[in-house]
Amino acid sequence: MFNYKTSGTCSTNIALELDNNVIKSVAFTGGCNGNLKAVSALVKGKTVEEVESILSGITCGFKKTSCGDQLAKAVRAAYEAGEGR
């Protein structure tokens, strides 16, 4: 399990598991519960690259980031840390 401390969002942490570069599971702490459960379900089975291409750069209101953008950063950090290998 890889934990990523978010920055600039209502969620405070993202816990995720990878199988090589494929997302096995994602769980957010804080944030919009229903929306983040949906995001977690939608990215399951996608690759790190797919998640990055879909979610990177998305903003939330006046913020320069979003929970989705933070997830894109989290999956990259997990992959580069060797999670799932």
PDB file of N, CA and C in Angstrom:
ATOM      1  N   MET A   1       0.860  -1.181   0.000  1.00  0.00           N
ATOM      2  CA  MET A   1       0.000   0.000   0.000  1.00  0.00           C
ATOM      3  C   MET A   1       0.900   1.236   0.000  1.00  0.00           C
ATOM      4  N   PHE A   2       0.667   2.123  -0.936  1.00  0.00           N
ATOM      5  CA  PHE A   2       1.421   3.371  -1.040  1.00  0.00           C
ATOM      6  C   PHE A   2       0.521   4.505  -0.567  1.00  0.00           C
ATOM      7  N   ASN A   3       1.034   5.358   0.299  1.00  0.00           N
ATOM      8  CA  ASN A   3       0.275   6.507   0.799  1.00  0.00           C
ATOM      9  C   ASN A   3       0.867   7.792   0.253  1.00  0.00           C
ATOM     10  N   TYR A   4      -0.003   8.645  -0.257  1.00  0.00           N
ATOM     11  CA  TYR A   4       0.400   9.921  -0.837  1.00  0.00           C
ATOM     12  C   TYR A   4      -0.337  11.037  -0.117  1.00  0.00           C
ATOM     13  N   LYS A   5       0.418  11.942   0.489  1.00  0.00           N
ATOM     14  CA  LYS A   5      -0.187  13.096   1.157  1.00  0.00           C
ATOM     15  C   LYS A   5      -0.528  14.135   0.109  1.00  0.00           C
ATOM     16  N   THR A   6      -1.809  14.460  -0.003  1.00  0.00           N
ATOM     17  CA  THR A   6      -2.242  15.419  -1.015  1.00  0.00           C
ATOM     18  C   THR A   6      -1.918  16.846  -0.588  1.00  0.00           C
ATOM     19  N   SER A   7      -1.977  17.734  -1.549  1.00  0.00           N
ATOM     20  CA  SER A   7      -1.701  19.144  -1.303  1.00  0.00           C
ATOM     21  C   SER A   7      -2.715  19.989  -2.069  1.00  0.00           C
ATOM     22  N   GLY A   8      -3.366  20.919  -1.366  1.00  0.00           N
ATOM     23  CA  GLY A   8      -4.266  21.851  -2.022  1.00  0.00           C
ATOM     24  C   GLY A   8      -5.658  21.324  -2.292  1.00  0.00           C
ATOM     25  N   THR A   9      -6.032  20.212  -1.647  1.00  0.00           N
ATOM     26  CA  THR A   9      -7.355  19.622  -1.862  1.00  0.00           C
ATOM     27  C   THR A   9      -8.038  19.332  -0.536  1.00  0.00           C
ATOM     28  N   CYS A  10      -9.332  19.067  -0.606  1.00  0.00           N
ATOM     29  CA  CYS A  10     -10.089  18.686   0.591  1.00  0.00           C
ATOM     30  C   CYS A  10      -9.675  17.314   1.094  1.00  0.00           C
ATOM     31  N   SER A  11      -9.321  16.424   0.193  1.00  0.00           N
ATOM     32  CA  SER A  11      -8.799  15.123   0.628  1.00  0.00           C
ATOM     33  C   SER A  11      -7.389  15.339   1.162  1.00  0.00           C
ATOM     34  N   THR A  12      -6.992  14.518   2.124  1.00  0.00           N
ATOM     35  CA  THR A  12      -5.687  14.699   2.769  1.00  0.00           C
ATOM     36  C   THR A  12      -4.700  13.600   2.446  1.00  0.00           C
ATOM     37  N   ASN A  13      -5.196  12.457   1.962  1.00  0.00           N
ATOM     38  CA  ASN A  13      -4.319  11.322   1.685  1.00  0.00           C
ATOM     39  C   ASN A  13      -4.955  10.437   0.621  1.00  0.00           C
ATOM     40  N   ILE A  14      -4.093   9.809  -0.169  1.00  0.00           N
ATOM     41  CA  ILE A  14      -4.546   8.815  -1.133  1.00  0.00           C
ATOM     42  C   ILE A  14      -3.737   7.546  -0.865  1.00  0.00           C
ATOM     43  N   ALA A  15      -4.436   6.460  -0.572  1.00  0.00           N
ATOM     44  CA  ALA A  15      -3.802   5.154  -0.404  1.00  0.00           C
ATOM     45  C   ALA A  15      -4.086   4.360  -1.669  1.00  0.00           C
ATOM     46  N   LEU A  16      -3.044   3.789  -2.262  1.00  0.00           N
ATOM     47  CA  LEU A  16      -3.257   3.059  -3.501  1.00  0.00           C
ATOM     48  C   LEU A  16      -2.350   1.864  -3.613  1.00  0.00           C
ATOM     49  N   GLU A  17      -2.791   0.933  -4.439  1.00  0.00           N
ATOM     50  CA  GLU A  17      -2.022  -0.265  -4.745  1.00  0.00           C
ATOM     51  C   GLU A  17      -1.888  -0.381  -6.246  1.00  0.00           C
ATOM     52  N   LEU A  18      -0.686  -0.742  -6.674  1.00  0.00           N
ATOM     53  CA  LEU A  18      -0.422  -0.989  -8.085  1.00  0.00           C
ATOM     54  C   LEU A  18      -0.026  -2.442  -8.289  1.00  0.00           C
ATOM     55  N   ASP A  19      -0.291  -2.951  -9.480  1.00  0.00           N
ATOM     56  CA  ASP A  19       0.234  -4.229  -9.936  1.00  0.00           C
ATOM     57  C   ASP A  19       1.044  -3.881 -11.169  1.00  0.00           C
ATOM     58  N   ASN A  20       2.359  -3.773 -11.009  1.00  0.00           N
ATOM     59  CA  ASN A  20       3.241  -3.194 -12.019  1.00  0.00           C
ATOM     60  C   ASN A  20       2.795  -1.753 -12.259  1.00  0.00           C
ATOM     61  N   ASN A  21       2.270  -1.430 -13.431  1.00  0.00           N
ATOM     62  CA  ASN A  21       1.817  -0.055 -13.656  1.00  0.00           C
ATOM     63  C   ASN A  21       0.289   0.039 -13.761  1.00  0.00           C
ATOM     64  N   VAL A  22      -0.414  -0.962 -13.243  1.00  0.00           N
ATOM     65  CA  VAL A  22      -1.875  -0.991 -13.293  1.00  0.00           C
ATOM     66  C   VAL A  22      -2.446  -0.748 -11.894  1.00  0.00           C
ATOM     67  N   ILE A  23      -3.442   0.123 -11.811  1.00  0.00           N
ATOM     68  CA  ILE A  23      -4.052   0.480 -10.525  1.00  0.00           C
ATOM     69  C   ILE A  23      -4.935  -0.673 -10.062  1.00  0.00           C
ATOM     70  N   LYS A  24      -4.651  -1.179  -8.842  1.00  0.00           N
ATOM     71  CA  LYS A  24      -5.469  -2.241  -8.238  1.00  0.00           C
ATOM     72  C   LYS A  24      -6.547  -1.649  -7.342  1.00  0.00           C
ATOM     73  N   SER A  25      -6.169  -0.634  -6.551  1.00  0.00           N
ATOM     74  CA  SER A  25      -7.141  -0.019  -5.643  1.00  0.00           C
ATOM     75  C   SER A  25      -6.702   1.393  -5.299  1.00  0.00           C
ATOM     76  N   VAL A  26      -7.690   2.229  -4.982  1.00  0.00           N
ATOM     77  CA  VAL A  26      -7.468   3.621  -4.575  1.00  0.00           C
ATOM     78  C   VAL A  26      -8.468   3.947  -3.476  1.00  0.00           C
ATOM     79  N   ALA A  27      -7.993   4.607  -2.423  1.00  0.00           N
ATOM     80  CA  ALA A  27      -8.888   5.064  -1.358  1.00  0.00           C
ATOM     81  C   ALA A  27      -8.438   6.453  -0.916  1.00  0.00           C
ATOM     82  N   PHE A  28      -9.362   7.391  -0.907  1.00  0.00           N
ATOM     83  CA  PHE A  28      -9.090   8.765  -0.484  1.00  0.00           C
ATOM     84  C   PHE A  28      -9.493   8.933   0.977  1.00  0.00           C
ATOM     85  N   THR A  29      -8.760   9.776   1.690  1.00  0.00           N
ATOM     86  CA  THR A  29      -9.144  10.214   3.030  1.00  0.00           C
ATOM     87  C   THR A  29      -9.621  11.643   2.900  1.00  0.00           C
ATOM     88  N   GLY A  30     -10.862  11.904   3.345  1.00  0.00           N
ATOM     89  CA  GLY A  30     -11.438  13.241   3.216  1.00  0.00           C
ATOM     90  C   GLY A  30     -11.964  13.480   1.812  1.00  0.00           C
ATOM     91  N   GLY A  31     -12.380  14.702   1.567  1.00  0.00           N
ATOM     92  CA  GLY A  31     -12.891  15.057   0.255  1.00  0.00           C
ATOM     93  C   GLY A  31     -14.352  14.691   0.089  1.00  0.00           C
ATOM     94  N   CYS A  32     -14.827  14.750  -1.124  1.00  0.00           N
ATOM     95  CA  CYS A  32     -16.231  14.454  -1.459  1.00  0.00           C
ATOM     96  C   CYS A  32     -16.391  12.944  -1.593  1.00  0.00           C
ATOM     97  N   ASN A  33     -16.899  12.323  -0.571  1.00  0.00           N
ATOM     98  CA  ASN A  33     -16.942  10.868  -0.451  1.00  0.00           C
ATOM     99  C   ASN A  33     -17.484  10.163  -1.689  1.00  0.00           C
ATOM    100  N   GLY A  34     -18.654  10.517  -2.134  1.00  0.00           N
ATOM    101  CA  GLY A  34     -19.260   9.831  -3.277  1.00  0.00           C
ATOM    102  C   GLY A  34     -18.471  10.009  -4.556  1.00  0.00           C
ATOM    103  N   ASN A  35     -18.053  11.229  -4.830  1.00  0.00           N
ATOM    104  CA  ASN A  35     -17.289  11.494  -6.044  1.00  0.00           C
ATOM    105  C   ASN A  35     -15.962  10.748  -6.037  1.00  0.00           C
ATOM    106  N   LEU A  36     -15.303  10.719  -4.891  1.00  0.00           N
ATOM    107  CA  LEU A  36     -14.001  10.073  -4.840  1.00  0.00           C
ATOM    108  C   LEU A  36     -14.107   8.555  -4.875  1.00  0.00           C
ATOM    109  N   LYS A  37     -15.207   8.006  -4.382  1.00  0.00           N
ATOM    110  CA  LYS A  37     -15.447   6.566  -4.557  1.00  0.00           C
ATOM    111  C   LYS A  37     -15.639   6.262  -6.041  1.00  0.00           C
ATOM    112  N   ALA A  38     -16.331   7.136  -6.741  1.00  0.00           N
ATOM    113  CA  ALA A  38     -16.553   6.951  -8.173  1.00  0.00           C
ATOM    114  C   ALA A  38     -15.236   7.038  -8.937  1.00  0.00           C
ATOM    115  N   VAL A  39     -14.432   8.041  -8.642  1.00  0.00           N
ATOM    116  CA  VAL A  39     -13.126   8.185  -9.301  1.00  0.00           C
ATOM    117  C   VAL A  39     -12.291   6.929  -9.050  1.00  0.00           C
ATOM    118  N   SER A  40     -12.281   6.466  -7.803  1.00  0.00           N
ATOM    119  CA  SER A  40     -11.508   5.269  -7.458  1.00  0.00           C
ATOM    120  C   SER A  40     -11.959   4.063  -8.277  1.00  0.00           C
ATOM    121  N   ALA A  41     -13.256   3.892  -8.429  1.00  0.00           N
ATOM    122  CA  ALA A  41     -13.791   2.768  -9.201  1.00  0.00           C
ATOM    123  C   ALA A  41     -13.443   2.911 -10.686  1.00  0.00           C
ATOM    124  N   LEU A  42     -13.485   4.119 -11.201  1.00  0.00           N
ATOM    125  CA  LEU A  42     -13.231   4.342 -12.623  1.00  0.00           C
ATOM    126  C   LEU A  42     -11.774   4.132 -13.021  1.00  0.00           C
ATOM    127  N   VAL A  43     -10.838   4.373 -12.109  1.00  0.00           N
ATOM    128  CA  VAL A  43      -9.431   4.213 -12.465  1.00  0.00           C
ATOM    129  C   VAL A  43      -8.913   2.801 -12.212  1.00  0.00           C
ATOM    130  N   LYS A  44      -9.671   1.995 -11.496  1.00  0.00           N
ATOM    131  CA  LYS A  44      -9.248   0.619 -11.234  1.00  0.00           C
ATOM    132  C   LYS A  44      -9.062  -0.108 -12.564  1.00  0.00           C
ATOM    133  N   GLY A  45      -7.896  -0.745 -12.719  1.00  0.00           N
ATOM    134  CA  GLY A  45      -7.584  -1.473 -13.951  1.00  0.00           C
ATOM    135  C   GLY A  45      -6.907  -0.643 -15.022  1.00  0.00           C
ATOM    136  N   LYS A  46      -6.819   0.663 -14.822  1.00  0.00           N
ATOM    137  CA  LYS A  46      -6.137   1.539 -15.786  1.00  0.00           C
ATOM    138  C   LYS A  46      -4.641   1.600 -15.445  1.00  0.00           C
ATOM    139  N   THR A  47      -3.853   1.962 -16.422  1.00  0.00           N
ATOM    140  CA  THR A  47      -2.420   2.106 -16.194  1.00  0.00           C
ATOM    141  C   THR A  47      -2.106   3.481 -15.610  1.00  0.00           C
ATOM    142  N   VAL A  48      -0.916   3.600 -15.070  1.00  0.00           N
ATOM    143  CA  VAL A  48      -0.440   4.884 -14.554  1.00  0.00           C
ATOM    144  C   VAL A  48      -0.535   5.939 -15.651  1.00  0.00           C
ATOM    145  N   GLU A  49      -0.109   5.597 -16.845  1.00  0.00           N
ATOM    146  CA  GLU A  49      -0.114   6.547 -17.963  1.00  0.00           C
ATOM    147  C   GLU A  49      -1.534   6.964 -18.346  1.00  0.00           C
ATOM    148  N   GLU A  50      -2.467   6.036 -18.316  1.00  0.00           N
ATOM    149  CA  GLU A  50      -3.858   6.367 -18.637  1.00  0.00           C
ATOM    150  C   GLU A  50      -4.435   7.334 -17.610  1.00  0.00           C
ATOM    151  N   VAL A  51      -4.181   7.066 -16.336  1.00  0.00           N
ATOM    152  CA  VAL A  51      -4.693   7.934 -15.273  1.00  0.00           C
ATOM    153  C   VAL A  51      -4.082   9.325 -15.399  1.00  0.00           C
ATOM    154  N   GLU A  52      -2.781   9.377 -15.648  1.00  0.00           N
ATOM    155  CA  GLU A  52      -2.125  10.678 -15.821  1.00  0.00           C
ATOM    156  C   GLU A  52      -2.728  11.441 -16.996  1.00  0.00           C
ATOM    157  N   SER A  53      -2.941  10.780 -18.118  1.00  0.00           N
ATOM    158  CA  SER A  53      -3.443  11.490 -19.300  1.00  0.00           C
ATOM    159  C   SER A  53      -4.879  11.980 -19.105  1.00  0.00           C
ATOM    160  N   ILE A  54      -5.663  11.274 -18.307  1.00  0.00           N
ATOM    161  CA  ILE A  54      -7.051  11.652 -18.080  1.00  0.00           C
ATOM    162  C   ILE A  54      -7.188  12.729 -17.008  1.00  0.00           C
ATOM    163  N   LEU A  55      -6.428  12.613 -15.910  1.00  0.00           N
ATOM    164  CA  LEU A  55      -6.674  13.442 -14.730  1.00  0.00           C
ATOM    165  C   LEU A  55      -5.687  14.583 -14.483  1.00  0.00           C
ATOM    166  N   SER A  56      -4.498  14.513 -15.062  1.00  0.00           N
ATOM    167  CA  SER A  56      -3.501  15.566 -14.818  1.00  0.00           C
ATOM    168  C   SER A  56      -4.004  16.925 -15.282  1.00  0.00           C
ATOM    169  N   GLY A  57      -3.820  17.913 -14.435  1.00  0.00           N
ATOM    170  CA  GLY A  57      -4.160  19.285 -14.788  1.00  0.00           C
ATOM    171  C   GLY A  57      -5.583  19.700 -14.483  1.00  0.00           C
ATOM    172  N   ILE A  58      -6.425  18.775 -14.028  1.00  0.00           N
ATOM    173  CA  ILE A  58      -7.800  19.143 -13.678  1.00  0.00           C
ATOM    174  C   ILE A  58      -7.778  19.999 -12.412  1.00  0.00           C
ATOM    175  N   THR A  59      -8.536  21.067 -12.423  1.00  0.00           N
ATOM    176  CA  THR A  59      -8.613  21.950 -11.260  1.00  0.00           C
ATOM    177  C   THR A  59      -9.977  21.818 -10.594  1.00  0.00           C
ATOM    178  N   CYS A  60     -10.068  22.350  -9.378  1.00  0.00           N
ATOM    179  CA  CYS A  60     -11.321  22.317  -8.624  1.00  0.00           C
ATOM    180  C   CYS A  60     -11.630  23.739  -8.166  1.00  0.00           C
ATOM    181  N   GLY A  61     -12.657  24.328  -8.758  1.00  0.00           N
ATOM    182  CA  GLY A  61     -13.015  25.700  -8.396  1.00  0.00           C
ATOM    183  C   GLY A  61     -11.843  26.639  -8.624  1.00  0.00           C
ATOM    184  N   PHE A  62     -11.502  27.402  -7.619  1.00  0.00           N
ATOM    185  CA  PHE A  62     -10.405  28.367  -7.715  1.00  0.00           C
ATOM    186  C   PHE A  62      -9.045  27.741  -7.430  1.00  0.00           C
ATOM    187  N   LYS A  63      -9.021  26.482  -7.037  1.00  0.00           N
ATOM    188  CA  LYS A  63      -7.761  25.808  -6.693  1.00  0.00           C
ATOM    189  C   LYS A  63      -6.979  25.460  -7.955  1.00  0.00           C
ATOM    190  N   LYS A  64      -5.670  25.374  -7.829  1.00  0.00           N
ATOM    191  CA  LYS A  64      -4.811  25.047  -8.969  1.00  0.00           C
ATOM    192  C   LYS A  64      -4.667  23.546  -9.174  1.00  0.00           C
ATOM    193  N   THR A  65      -5.329  22.760  -8.333  1.00  0.00           N
ATOM    194  CA  THR A  65      -5.277  21.310  -8.410  1.00  0.00           C
ATOM    195  C   THR A  65      -6.650  20.759  -8.072  1.00  0.00           C
ATOM    196  N   SER A  66      -6.759  19.456  -8.056  1.00  0.00           N
ATOM    197  CA  SER A  66      -8.010  18.774  -7.690  1.00  0.00           C
ATOM    198  C   SER A  66      -7.632  17.411  -7.139  1.00  0.00           C
ATOM    199  N   CYS A  67      -8.609  16.704  -6.610  1.00  0.00           N
ATOM    200  CA  CYS A  67      -8.345  15.348  -6.129  1.00  0.00           C
ATOM    201  C   CYS A  67      -7.907  14.454  -7.292  1.00  0.00           C
ATOM    202  N   GLY A  68      -8.488  14.647  -8.465  1.00  0.00           N
ATOM    203  CA  GLY A  68      -8.072  13.885  -9.642  1.00  0.00           C
ATOM    204  C   GLY A  68      -6.638  14.179 -10.042  1.00  0.00           C
ATOM    205  N   ASP A  69      -6.284  15.448 -10.061  1.00  0.00           N
ATOM    206  CA  ASP A  69      -4.916  15.853 -10.375  1.00  0.00           C
ATOM    207  C   ASP A  69      -3.944  15.271  -9.351  1.00  0.00           C
ATOM    208  N   GLN A  70      -4.324  15.311  -8.079  1.00  0.00           N
ATOM    209  CA  GLN A  70      -3.482  14.735  -7.033  1.00  0.00           C
ATOM    210  C   GLN A  70      -3.355  13.226  -7.199  1.00  0.00           C
ATOM    211  N   LEU A  71      -4.421  12.560  -7.655  1.00  0.00           N
ATOM    212  CA  LEU A  71      -4.348  11.121  -7.911  1.00  0.00           C
ATOM    213  C   LEU A  71      -3.358  10.828  -9.033  1.00  0.00           C
ATOM    214  N   ALA A  72      -3.357  11.646 -10.072  1.00  0.00           N
ATOM    215  CA  ALA A  72      -2.388  11.465 -11.158  1.00  0.00           C
ATOM    216  C   ALA A  72      -0.963  11.568 -10.623  1.00  0.00           C
ATOM    217  N   LYS A  73      -0.724  12.517  -9.744  1.00  0.00           N
ATOM    218  CA  LYS A  73       0.600  12.660  -9.125  1.00  0.00           C
ATOM    219  C   LYS A  73       0.911  11.458  -8.227  1.00  0.00           C
ATOM    220  N   ALA A  74      -0.097  10.981  -7.503  1.00  0.00           N
ATOM    221  CA  ALA A  74       0.086   9.860  -6.576  1.00  0.00           C
ATOM    222  C   ALA A  74       0.450   8.571  -7.307  1.00  0.00           C
ATOM    223  N   VAL A  75      -0.245   8.273  -8.412  1.00  0.00           N
ATOM    224  CA  VAL A  75       0.060   7.026  -9.122  1.00  0.00           C
ATOM    225  C   VAL A  75       1.460   7.071  -9.720  1.00  0.00           C
ATOM    226  N   ARG A  76       1.882   8.226 -10.189  1.00  0.00           N
ATOM    227  CA  ARG A  76       3.248   8.361 -10.716  1.00  0.00           C
ATOM    228  C   ARG A  76       4.264   8.166  -9.595  1.00  0.00           C
ATOM    229  N   ALA A  77       4.027   8.808  -8.450  1.00  0.00           N
ATOM    230  CA  ALA A  77       4.944   8.671  -7.313  1.00  0.00           C
ATOM    231  C   ALA A  77       5.018   7.223  -6.842  1.00  0.00           C
ATOM    232  N   ALA A  78       3.886   6.542  -6.794  1.00  0.00           N
ATOM    233  CA  ALA A  78       3.867   5.133  -6.375  1.00  0.00           C
ATOM    234  C   ALA A  78       4.652   4.273  -7.345  1.00  0.00           C
ATOM    235  N   TYR A  79       4.438   4.502  -8.628  1.00  0.00           N
ATOM    236  CA  TYR A  79       5.139   3.728  -9.651  1.00  0.00           C
ATOM    237  C   TYR A  79       6.647   3.952  -9.573  1.00  0.00           C
ATOM    238  N   GLU A  80       7.043   5.207  -9.433  1.00  0.00           N
ATOM    239  CA  GLU A  80       8.471   5.517  -9.358  1.00  0.00           C
ATOM    240  C   GLU A  80       9.113   5.015  -8.076  1.00  0.00           C
ATOM    241  N   ALA A  81       8.307   4.835  -7.020  1.00  0.00           N
ATOM    242  CA  ALA A  81       8.819   4.280  -5.761  1.00  0.00           C
ATOM    243  C   ALA A  81       8.906   2.758  -5.803  1.00  0.00           C
ATOM    244  N   GLY A  82       8.447   2.160  -6.911  1.00  0.00           N
ATOM    245  CA  GLY A  82       8.535   0.717  -7.073  1.00  0.00           C
ATOM    246  C   GLY A  82       7.336  -0.041  -6.525  1.00  0.00           C
ATOM    247  N   GLU A  83       6.256   0.664  -6.190  1.00  0.00           N
ATOM    248  CA  GLU A  83       5.041   0.011  -5.699  1.00  0.00           C
ATOM    249  C   GLU A  83       4.520  -0.970  -6.751  1.00  0.00           C
ATOM    250  N   GLY A  84       4.179  -2.163  -6.303  1.00  0.00           N
ATOM    251  CA  GLY A  84       3.572  -3.152  -7.191  1.00  0.00           C
ATOM    252  C   GLY A  84       4.535  -4.009  -7.977  1.00  0.00           C
ATOM    253  N   ARG A  85       5.832  -3.777  -7.793  1.00  0.00           N
ATOM    254  CA  ARG A  85       6.817  -4.598  -8.536  1.00  0.00           C
ATOM    255  C   ARG A  85       7.498  -5.567  -7.619  1.00  0.00           C
TER     256      ARG A  85
END
